[in-house]
Amino acid sequence: MRRRLSPLVLALIAITAALAIPVVFVAGAAYGIESEVWDAARSTYVYEERPGGGFAVIAALVACAALAALAIVAGMAAADRRRGPQHPLAPR
């Protein structure tokens, strides 16, 4: 028999996943965006791109989508478990 998670644990998973979405996005964007650096040879600022910056942004977006899906599924499961079991003769 499988052990099921309680509604409280599912709600905590959903809240944690929802709070982690902006953190993951900002971390990926902070690495992935170009930054201004001073170029002494030209006496001006130039934009410098980090290696793999585009992949970091894409990976952050994919991770955000996965966290959003986890938050939605865990929230729906918590809501279903709080309602309790349905009547055995109720239509499904």
PDB file of N, CA and C in Angstrom:
ATOM      1  N   MET A   1       0.840  -1.173   0.000  1.00  0.00           N
ATOM      2  CA  MET A   1       0.000   0.000   0.000  1.00  0.00           C
ATOM      3  C   MET A   1       0.891   1.243   0.000  1.00  0.00           C
ATOM      4  N   ARG A   2       0.569   2.165  -0.885  1.00  0.00           N
ATOM      5  CA  ARG A   2       1.350   3.397  -0.986  1.00  0.00           C
ATOM      6  C   ARG A   2       0.953   4.373   0.108  1.00  0.00           C
ATOM      7  N   ARG A   3       1.951   5.021   0.655  1.00  0.00           N
ATOM      8  CA  ARG A   3       1.672   6.042   1.658  1.00  0.00           C
ATOM      9  C   ARG A   3       1.437   7.363   0.933  1.00  0.00           C
ATOM     10  N   ARG A   4       0.379   8.049   1.290  1.00  0.00           N
ATOM     11  CA  ARG A   4       0.028   9.308   0.643  1.00  0.00           C
ATOM     12  C   ARG A   4       0.455  10.471   1.522  1.00  0.00           C
ATOM     13  N   LEU A   5       0.832  11.546   0.878  1.00  0.00           N
ATOM     14  CA  LEU A   5       1.231  12.746   1.610  1.00  0.00           C
ATOM     15  C   LEU A   5       0.000  13.461   2.158  1.00  0.00           C
ATOM     16  N   SER A   6       0.168  14.073   3.307  1.00  0.00           N
ATOM     17  CA  SER A   6      -0.947  14.792   3.923  1.00  0.00           C
ATOM     18  C   SER A   6      -1.202  16.097   3.168  1.00  0.00           C
ATOM     19  N   PRO A   7      -2.403  16.658   3.318  1.00  0.00           N
ATOM     20  CA  PRO A   7      -2.699  17.933   2.654  1.00  0.00           C
ATOM     21  C   PRO A   7      -1.759  19.058   3.078  1.00  0.00           C
ATOM     22  N   LEU A   8      -1.328  19.053   4.332  1.00  0.00           N
ATOM     23  CA  LEU A   8      -0.413  20.090   4.807  1.00  0.00           C
ATOM     24  C   LEU A   8       0.935  20.005   4.091  1.00  0.00           C
ATOM     25  N   VAL A   9       1.450  18.791   3.942  1.00  0.00           N
ATOM     26  CA  VAL A   9       2.729  18.608   3.246  1.00  0.00           C
ATOM     27  C   VAL A   9       2.594  19.015   1.785  1.00  0.00           C
ATOM     28  N   LEU A  10       1.497  18.650   1.152  1.00  0.00           N
ATOM     29  CA  LEU A  10       1.274  19.031  -0.244  1.00  0.00           C
ATOM     30  C   LEU A  10       1.155  20.546  -0.386  1.00  0.00           C
ATOM     31  N   ALA A  11       0.491  21.182   0.563  1.00  0.00           N
ATOM     32  CA  ALA A  11       0.377  22.642   0.521  1.00  0.00           C
ATOM     33  C   ALA A  11       1.744  23.301   0.707  1.00  0.00           C
ATOM     34  N   LEU A  12       2.566  22.759   1.593  1.00  0.00           N
ATOM     35  CA  LEU A  12       3.914  23.300   1.785  1.00  0.00           C
ATOM     36  C   LEU A  12       4.773  23.115   0.535  1.00  0.00           C
ATOM     37  N   ILE A  13       4.624  21.979  -0.139  1.00  0.00           N
ATOM     38  CA  ILE A  13       5.347  21.753  -1.394  1.00  0.00           C
ATOM     39  C   ILE A  13       4.912  22.776  -2.433  1.00  0.00           C
ATOM     40  N   ALA A  14       3.608  23.013  -2.529  1.00  0.00           N
ATOM     41  CA  ALA A  14       3.093  23.973  -3.510  1.00  0.00           C
ATOM     42  C   ALA A  14       3.590  25.387  -3.215  1.00  0.00           C
ATOM     43  N   ILE A  15       3.572  25.781  -1.949  1.00  0.00           N
ATOM     44  CA  ILE A  15       4.020  27.127  -1.579  1.00  0.00           C
ATOM     45  C   ILE A  15       5.522  27.286  -1.824  1.00  0.00           C
ATOM     46  N   THR A  16       6.299  26.276  -1.447  1.00  0.00           N
ATOM     47  CA  THR A  16       7.745  26.337  -1.658  1.00  0.00           C
ATOM     48  C   THR A  16       8.087  26.407  -3.138  1.00  0.00           C
ATOM     49  N   ALA A  17       7.396  25.616  -3.946  1.00  0.00           N
ATOM     50  CA  ALA A  17       7.649  25.645  -5.391  1.00  0.00           C
ATOM     51  C   ALA A  17       7.273  27.000  -5.978  1.00  0.00           C
ATOM     52  N   ALA A  18       6.158  27.565  -5.521  1.00  0.00           N
ATOM     53  CA  ALA A  18       5.736  28.871  -6.033  1.00  0.00           C
ATOM     54  C   ALA A  18       6.716  29.972  -5.626  1.00  0.00           C
ATOM     55  N   LEU A  19       7.280  29.881  -4.433  1.00  0.00           N
ATOM     56  CA  LEU A  19       8.253  30.882  -3.991  1.00  0.00           C
ATOM     57  C   LEU A  19       9.615  30.698  -4.661  1.00  0.00           C
ATOM     58  N   ALA A  20       9.924  29.483  -5.094  1.00  0.00           N
ATOM     59  CA  ALA A  20      11.217  29.221  -5.730  1.00  0.00           C
ATOM     60  C   ALA A  20      11.259  29.685  -7.181  1.00  0.00           C
ATOM     61  N   ILE A  21      10.096  29.867  -7.807  1.00  0.00           N
ATOM     62  CA  ILE A  21      10.064  30.252  -9.221  1.00  0.00           C
ATOM     63  C   ILE A  21      10.808  31.566  -9.475  1.00  0.00           C
ATOM     64  N   PRO A  22      10.498  32.659  -8.771  1.00  0.00           N
ATOM     65  CA  PRO A  22      11.244  33.895  -9.062  1.00  0.00           C
ATOM     66  C   PRO A  22      12.725  33.805  -8.705  1.00  0.00           C
ATOM     67  N   VAL A  23      13.066  33.027  -7.695  1.00  0.00           N
ATOM     68  CA  VAL A  23      14.472  32.881  -7.312  1.00  0.00           C
ATOM     69  C   VAL A  23      15.255  32.198  -8.430  1.00  0.00           C
ATOM     70  N   VAL A  24      14.690  31.122  -8.975  1.00  0.00           N
ATOM     71  CA  VAL A  24      15.354  30.399 -10.061  1.00  0.00           C
ATOM     72  C   VAL A  24      15.452  31.275 -11.301  1.00  0.00           C
ATOM     73  N   PHE A  25      14.385  32.006 -11.609  1.00  0.00           N
ATOM     74  CA  PHE A  25      14.395  32.855 -12.799  1.00  0.00           C
ATOM     75  C   PHE A  25      15.441  33.961 -12.688  1.00  0.00           C
ATOM     76  N   VAL A  26      15.485  34.625 -11.540  1.00  0.00           N
ATOM     77  CA  VAL A  26      16.450  35.715 -11.352  1.00  0.00           C
ATOM     78  C   VAL A  26      17.884  35.175 -11.375  1.00  0.00           C
ATOM     79  N   ALA A  27      18.108  34.009 -10.788  1.00  0.00           N
ATOM     80  CA  ALA A  27      19.456  33.431 -10.805  1.00  0.00           C
ATOM     81  C   ALA A  27      19.892  33.104 -12.232  1.00  0.00           C
ATOM     82  N   GLY A  28      18.995  32.529 -13.020  1.00  0.00           N
ATOM     83  CA  GLY A  28      19.337  32.229 -14.412  1.00  0.00           C
ATOM     84  C   GLY A  28      19.543  33.478 -15.234  1.00  0.00           C
ATOM     85  N   ALA A  29      18.708  34.475 -15.015  1.00  0.00           N
ATOM     86  CA  ALA A  29      18.835  35.722 -15.768  1.00  0.00           C
ATOM     87  C   ALA A  29      20.088  36.489 -15.355  1.00  0.00           C
ATOM     88  N   ALA A  30      20.442  36.434 -14.083  1.00  0.00           N
ATOM     89  CA  ALA A  30      21.632  37.150 -13.624  1.00  0.00           C
ATOM     90  C   ALA A  30      22.892  36.603 -14.283  1.00  0.00           C
ATOM     91  N   TYR A  31      22.936  35.306 -14.499  1.00  0.00           N
ATOM     92  CA  TYR A  31      24.099  34.742 -15.181  1.00  0.00           C
ATOM     93  C   TYR A  31      23.994  34.923 -16.691  1.00  0.00           C
ATOM     94  N   GLY A  32      22.795  34.821 -17.220  1.00  0.00           N
ATOM     95  CA  GLY A  32      22.621  34.790 -18.664  1.00  0.00           C
ATOM     96  C   GLY A  32      22.660  36.125 -19.367  1.00  0.00           C
ATOM     97  N   ILE A  33      22.387  37.213 -18.657  1.00  0.00           N
ATOM     98  CA  ILE A  33      22.354  38.505 -19.348  1.00  0.00           C
ATOM     99  C   ILE A  33      23.768  39.042 -19.537  1.00  0.00           C
ATOM    100  N   GLU A  34      23.903  39.906 -20.514  1.00  0.00           N
ATOM    101  CA  GLU A  34      25.203  40.534 -20.761  1.00  0.00           C
ATOM    102  C   GLU A  34      25.454  41.595 -19.699  1.00  0.00           C
ATOM    103  N   SER A  35      26.717  41.842 -19.432  1.00  0.00           N
ATOM    104  CA  SER A  35      27.058  42.866 -18.447  1.00  0.00           C
ATOM    105  C   SER A  35      28.027  43.869 -19.071  1.00  0.00           C
ATOM    106  N   GLU A  36      27.955  45.091 -18.570  1.00  0.00           N
ATOM    107  CA  GLU A  36      28.842  46.142 -19.056  1.00  0.00           C
ATOM    108  C   GLU A  36      30.171  46.086 -18.318  1.00  0.00           C
ATOM    109  N   VAL A  37      31.257  46.141 -19.067  1.00  0.00           N
ATOM    110  CA  VAL A  37      32.590  46.200 -18.472  1.00  0.00           C
ATOM    111  C   VAL A  37      33.378  47.310 -19.160  1.00  0.00           C
ATOM    112  N   TRP A  38      34.316  47.872 -18.431  1.00  0.00           N
ATOM    113  CA  TRP A  38      35.131  48.952 -18.978  1.00  0.00           C
ATOM    114  C   TRP A  38      36.236  48.362 -19.849  1.00  0.00           C
ATOM    115  N   ASP A  39      36.340  48.853 -21.065  1.00  0.00           N
ATOM    116  CA  ASP A  39      37.393  48.446 -21.987  1.00  0.00           C
ATOM    117  C   ASP A  39      38.411  49.579 -22.048  1.00  0.00           C
ATOM    118  N   ALA A  40      39.578  49.360 -21.446  1.00  0.00           N
ATOM    119  CA  ALA A  40      40.596  50.411 -21.375  1.00  0.00           C
ATOM    120  C   ALA A  40      41.195  50.718 -22.746  1.00  0.00           C
ATOM    121  N   ALA A  41      41.217  49.737 -23.629  1.00  0.00           N
ATOM    122  CA  ALA A  41      41.800  49.963 -24.959  1.00  0.00           C
ATOM    123  C   ALA A  41      40.958  50.943 -25.771  1.00  0.00           C
ATOM    124  N   ARG A  42      39.645  50.874 -25.612  1.00  0.00           N
ATOM    125  CA  ARG A  42      38.748  51.757 -26.371  1.00  0.00           C
ATOM    126  C   ARG A  42      38.232  52.929 -25.541  1.00  0.00           C
ATOM    127  N   SER A  43      38.526  52.928 -24.266  1.00  0.00           N
ATOM    128  CA  SER A  43      38.050  53.959 -23.335  1.00  0.00           C
ATOM    129  C   SER A  43      36.531  54.099 -23.362  1.00  0.00           C
ATOM    130  N   THR A  44      35.873  52.970 -23.304  1.00  0.00           N
ATOM    131  CA  THR A  44      34.410  52.966 -23.284  1.00  0.00           C
ATOM    132  C   THR A  44      33.922  51.668 -22.645  1.00  0.00           C
ATOM    133  N   TYR A  45      32.633  51.625 -22.391  1.00  0.00           N
ATOM    134  CA  TYR A  45      32.038  50.405 -21.864  1.00  0.00           C
ATOM    135  C   TYR A  45      31.639  49.499 -23.021  1.00  0.00           C
ATOM    136  N   VAL A  46      31.837  48.199 -22.844  1.00  0.00           N
ATOM    137  CA  VAL A  46      31.397  47.214 -23.834  1.00  0.00           C
ATOM    138  C   VAL A  46      30.580  46.153 -23.104  1.00  0.00           C
ATOM    139  N   TYR A  47      29.719  45.496 -23.852  1.00  0.00           N
ATOM    140  CA  TYR A  47      28.926  44.411 -23.282  1.00  0.00           C
ATOM    141  C   TYR A  47      29.694  43.108 -23.409  1.00  0.00           C
ATOM    142  N   GLU A  48      29.765  42.392 -22.322  1.00  0.00           N
ATOM    143  CA  GLU A  48      30.476  41.120 -22.298  1.00  0.00           C
ATOM    144  C   GLU A  48      29.477  40.012 -22.000  1.00  0.00           C
ATOM    145  N   GLU A  49      29.501  38.979 -22.826  1.00  0.00           N
ATOM    146  CA  GLU A  49      28.579  37.859 -22.641  1.00  0.00           C
ATOM    147  C   GLU A  49      29.309  36.721 -21.947  1.00  0.00           C
ATOM    148  N   ARG A  50      28.658  36.106 -20.995  1.00  0.00           N
ATOM    149  CA  ARG A  50      29.257  34.972 -20.296  1.00  0.00           C
ATOM    150  C   ARG A  50      29.094  33.714 -21.141  1.00  0.00           C
ATOM    151  N   PRO A  51      30.021  32.764 -21.019  1.00  0.00           N
ATOM    152  CA  PRO A  51      29.882  31.527 -21.798  1.00  0.00           C
ATOM    153  C   PRO A  51      28.683  30.712 -21.310  1.00  0.00           C
ATOM    154  N   GLY A  52      27.871  30.294 -22.237  1.00  0.00           N
ATOM    155  CA  GLY A  52      26.698  29.505 -21.887  1.00  0.00           C
ATOM    156  C   GLY A  52      25.573  30.319 -21.292  1.00  0.00           C
ATOM    157  N   GLY A  53      25.594  31.623 -21.468  1.00  0.00           N
ATOM    158  CA  GLY A  53      24.561  32.478 -20.879  1.00  0.00           C
ATOM    159  C   GLY A  53      23.179  32.189 -21.423  1.00  0.00           C
ATOM    160  N   GLY A  54      23.090  31.941 -22.718  1.00  0.00           N
ATOM    161  CA  GLY A  54      21.794  31.619 -23.322  1.00  0.00           C
ATOM    162  C   GLY A  54      21.232  30.312 -22.790  1.00  0.00           C
ATOM    163  N   PHE A  55      22.114  29.333 -22.611  1.00  0.00           N
ATOM    164  CA  PHE A  55      21.668  28.050 -22.067  1.00  0.00           C
ATOM    165  C   PHE A  55      21.209  28.197 -20.615  1.00  0.00           C
ATOM    166  N   ALA A  56      21.865  29.079 -19.863  1.00  0.00           N
ATOM    167  CA  ALA A  56      21.463  29.304 -18.473  1.00  0.00           C
ATOM    168  C   ALA A  56      20.066  29.903 -18.399  1.00  0.00           C
ATOM    169  N   VAL A  57      19.764  30.833 -19.296  1.00  0.00           N
ATOM    170  CA  VAL A  57      18.431  31.442 -19.305  1.00  0.00           C
ATOM    171  C   VAL A  57      17.378  30.409 -19.701  1.00  0.00           C
ATOM    172  N   ILE A  58      17.663  29.607 -20.720  1.00  0.00           N
ATOM    173  CA  ILE A  58      16.708  28.577 -21.159  1.00  0.00           C
ATOM    174  C   ILE A  58      16.507  27.537 -20.063  1.00  0.00           C
ATOM    175  N   ALA A  59      17.596  27.115 -19.409  1.00  0.00           N
ATOM    176  CA  ALA A  59      17.474  26.146 -18.318  1.00  0.00           C
ATOM    177  C   ALA A  59      16.661  26.722 -17.165  1.00  0.00           C
ATOM    178  N   ALA A  60      16.829  28.003 -16.880  1.00  0.00           N
ATOM    179  CA  ALA A  60      16.050  28.638 -15.814  1.00  0.00           C
ATOM    180  C   ALA A  60      14.571  28.679 -16.179  1.00  0.00           C
ATOM    181  N   LEU A  61      14.262  28.966 -17.437  1.00  0.00           N
ATOM    182  CA  LEU A  61      12.857  28.986 -17.861  1.00  0.00           C
ATOM    183  C   LEU A  61      12.231  27.599 -17.781  1.00  0.00           C
ATOM    184  N   VAL A  62      12.971  26.570 -18.182  1.00  0.00           N
ATOM    185  CA  VAL A  62      12.459  25.196 -18.096  1.00  0.00           C
ATOM    186  C   VAL A  62      12.253  24.800 -16.633  1.00  0.00           C
ATOM    187  N   ALA A  63      13.203  25.166 -15.774  1.00  0.00           N
ATOM    188  CA  ALA A  63      13.061  24.862 -14.348  1.00  0.00           C
ATOM    189  C   ALA A  63      11.870  25.598 -13.745  1.00  0.00           C
ATOM    190  N   CYS A  64      11.632  26.836 -14.174  1.00  0.00           N
ATOM    191  CA  CYS A  64      10.471  27.593 -13.689  1.00  0.00           C
ATOM    192  C   CYS A  64       9.171  26.936 -14.131  1.00  0.00           C
ATOM    193  N   ALA A  65       9.135  26.445 -15.361  1.00  0.00           N
ATOM    194  CA  ALA A  65       7.934  25.755 -15.841  1.00  0.00           C
ATOM    195  C   ALA A  65       7.693  24.478 -15.046  1.00  0.00           C
ATOM    196  N   ALA A  66       8.754  23.740 -14.738  1.00  0.00           N
ATOM    197  CA  ALA A  66       8.608  22.520 -13.941  1.00  0.00           C
ATOM    198  C   ALA A  66       8.144  22.843 -12.522  1.00  0.00           C
ATOM    199  N   LEU A  67       8.689  23.902 -11.930  1.00  0.00           N
ATOM    200  CA  LEU A  67       8.254  24.298 -10.588  1.00  0.00           C
ATOM    201  C   LEU A  67       6.805  24.764 -10.582  1.00  0.00           C
ATOM    202  N   ALA A  68       6.394  25.466 -11.634  1.00  0.00           N
ATOM    203  CA  ALA A  68       4.999  25.908 -11.721  1.00  0.00           C
ATOM    204  C   ALA A  68       4.068  24.708 -11.837  1.00  0.00           C
ATOM    205  N   ALA A  69       4.454  23.721 -12.645  1.00  0.00           N
ATOM    206  CA  ALA A  69       3.635  22.512 -12.773  1.00  0.00           C
ATOM    207  C   ALA A  69       3.564  21.771 -11.442  1.00  0.00           C
ATOM    208  N   LEU A  70       4.690  21.684 -10.739  1.00  0.00           N
ATOM    209  CA  LEU A  70       4.705  21.030  -9.428  1.00  0.00           C
ATOM    210  C   LEU A  70       3.805  21.765  -8.444  1.00  0.00           C
ATOM    211  N   ALA A  71       3.860  23.091  -8.447  1.00  0.00           N
ATOM    212  CA  ALA A  71       3.025  23.875  -7.534  1.00  0.00           C
ATOM    213  C   ALA A  71       1.546  23.662  -7.828  1.00  0.00           C
ATOM    214  N   ILE A  72       1.183  23.627  -9.105  1.00  0.00           N
ATOM    215  CA  ILE A  72      -0.226  23.439  -9.473  1.00  0.00           C
ATOM    216  C   ILE A  72      -0.705  22.049  -9.094  1.00  0.00           C
ATOM    217  N   VAL A  73       0.085  21.030  -9.425  1.00  0.00           N
ATOM    218  CA  VAL A  73      -0.325  19.651  -9.133  1.00  0.00           C
ATOM    219  C   VAL A  73      -0.409  19.415  -7.627  1.00  0.00           C
ATOM    220  N   ALA A  74       0.576  19.901  -6.876  1.00  0.00           N
ATOM    221  CA  ALA A  74       0.552  19.711  -5.423  1.00  0.00           C
ATOM    222  C   ALA A  74      -0.605  20.477  -4.790  1.00  0.00           C
ATOM    223  N   GLY A  75      -0.879  21.675  -5.285  1.00  0.00           N
ATOM    224  CA  GLY A  75      -2.014  22.440  -4.758  1.00  0.00           C
ATOM    225  C   GLY A  75      -3.344  21.771  -5.043  1.00  0.00           C
ATOM    226  N   MET A  76      -3.493  21.232  -6.252  1.00  0.00           N
ATOM    227  CA  MET A  76      -4.738  20.532  -6.585  1.00  0.00           C
ATOM    228  C   MET A  76      -4.890  19.260  -5.761  1.00  0.00           C
ATOM    229  N   ALA A  77      -3.790  18.534  -5.543  1.00  0.00           N
ATOM    230  CA  ALA A  77      -3.854  17.319  -4.730  1.00  0.00           C
ATOM    231  C   ALA A  77      -4.193  17.655  -3.282  1.00  0.00           C
ATOM    232  N   ALA A  78      -3.633  18.745  -2.766  1.00  0.00           N
ATOM    233  CA  ALA A  78      -3.951  19.152  -1.393  1.00  0.00           C
ATOM    234  C   ALA A  78      -5.417  19.527  -1.271  1.00  0.00           C
ATOM    235  N   ALA A  79      -5.950  20.217  -2.275  1.00  0.00           N
ATOM    236  CA  ALA A  79      -7.364  20.595  -2.236  1.00  0.00           C
ATOM    237  C   ALA A  79      -8.261  19.366  -2.323  1.00  0.00           C
ATOM    238  N   ASP A  80      -7.884  18.396  -3.143  1.00  0.00           N
ATOM    239  CA  ASP A  80      -8.681  17.172  -3.259  1.00  0.00           C
ATOM    240  C   ASP A  80      -8.681  16.378  -1.961  1.00  0.00           C
ATOM    241  N   ARG A  81      -7.541  16.318  -1.292  1.00  0.00           N
ATOM    242  CA  ARG A  81      -7.457  15.532  -0.058  1.00  0.00           C
ATOM    243  C   ARG A  81      -8.186  16.215   1.093  1.00  0.00           C
ATOM    244  N   ARG A  82      -8.255  17.536   1.062  1.00  0.00           N
ATOM    245  CA  ARG A  82      -8.954  18.248   2.137  1.00  0.00           C
ATOM    246  C   ARG A  82     -10.458  18.037   2.043  1.00  0.00           C
ATOM    247  N   ARG A  83     -10.956  17.852   0.822  1.00  0.00           N
ATOM    248  CA  ARG A  83     -12.395  17.640   0.653  1.00  0.00           C
ATOM    249  C   ARG A  83     -12.845  16.302   1.208  1.00  0.00           C
ATOM    250  N   GLY A  84     -11.940  15.370   1.297  1.00  0.00           N
ATOM    251  CA  GLY A  84     -12.288  14.068   1.838  1.00  0.00           C
ATOM    252  C   GLY A  84     -12.769  13.118   0.756  1.00  0.00           C
ATOM    253  N   PRO A  85     -13.041  11.884   1.155  1.00  0.00           N
ATOM    254  CA  PRO A  85     -13.466  10.888   0.167  1.00  0.00           C
ATOM    255  C   PRO A  85     -14.873  11.182  -0.341  1.00  0.00           C
ATOM    256  N   GLN A  86     -15.089  10.853  -1.600  1.00  0.00           N
ATOM    257  CA  GLN A  86     -16.414  11.026  -2.175  1.00  0.00           C
ATOM    258  C   GLN A  86     -17.300   9.845  -1.788  1.00  0.00           C
ATOM    259  N   HIS A  87     -18.579  10.058  -1.899  1.00  0.00           N
ATOM    260  CA  HIS A  87     -19.527   8.987  -1.634  1.00  0.00           C
ATOM    261  C   HIS A  87     -19.309   7.888  -2.666  1.00  0.00           C
ATOM    262  N   PRO A  88     -19.353   6.615  -2.241  1.00  0.00           N
ATOM    263  CA  PRO A  88     -19.060   5.535  -3.188  1.00  0.00           C
ATOM    264  C   PRO A  88     -20.046   5.467  -4.359  1.00  0.00           C
ATOM    265  N   LEU A  89     -21.251   5.967  -4.186  1.00  0.00           N
ATOM    266  CA  LEU A  89     -22.233   5.897  -5.261  1.00  0.00           C
ATOM    267  C   LEU A  89     -22.275   7.173  -6.095  1.00  0.00           C
ATOM    268  N   ALA A  90     -21.444   8.155  -5.764  1.00  0.00           N
ATOM    269  CA  ALA A  90     -21.445   9.417  -6.506  1.00  0.00           C
ATOM    270  C   ALA A  90     -20.834   9.194  -7.889  1.00  0.00           C
ATOM    271  N   PRO A  91     -21.398   9.865  -8.907  1.00  0.00           N
ATOM    272  CA  PRO A  91     -20.825   9.710 -10.253  1.00  0.00           C
ATOM    273  C   PRO A  91     -19.448  10.361 -10.327  1.00  0.00           C
ATOM    274  N   ARG A  92     -18.578   9.743 -11.113  1.00  0.00           N
ATOM    275  CA  ARG A  92     -17.207  10.269 -11.229  1.00  0.00           C
ATOM    276  C   ARG A  92     -16.985  10.886 -12.555  1.00  0.00           C
TER     277      ARG A  92
END
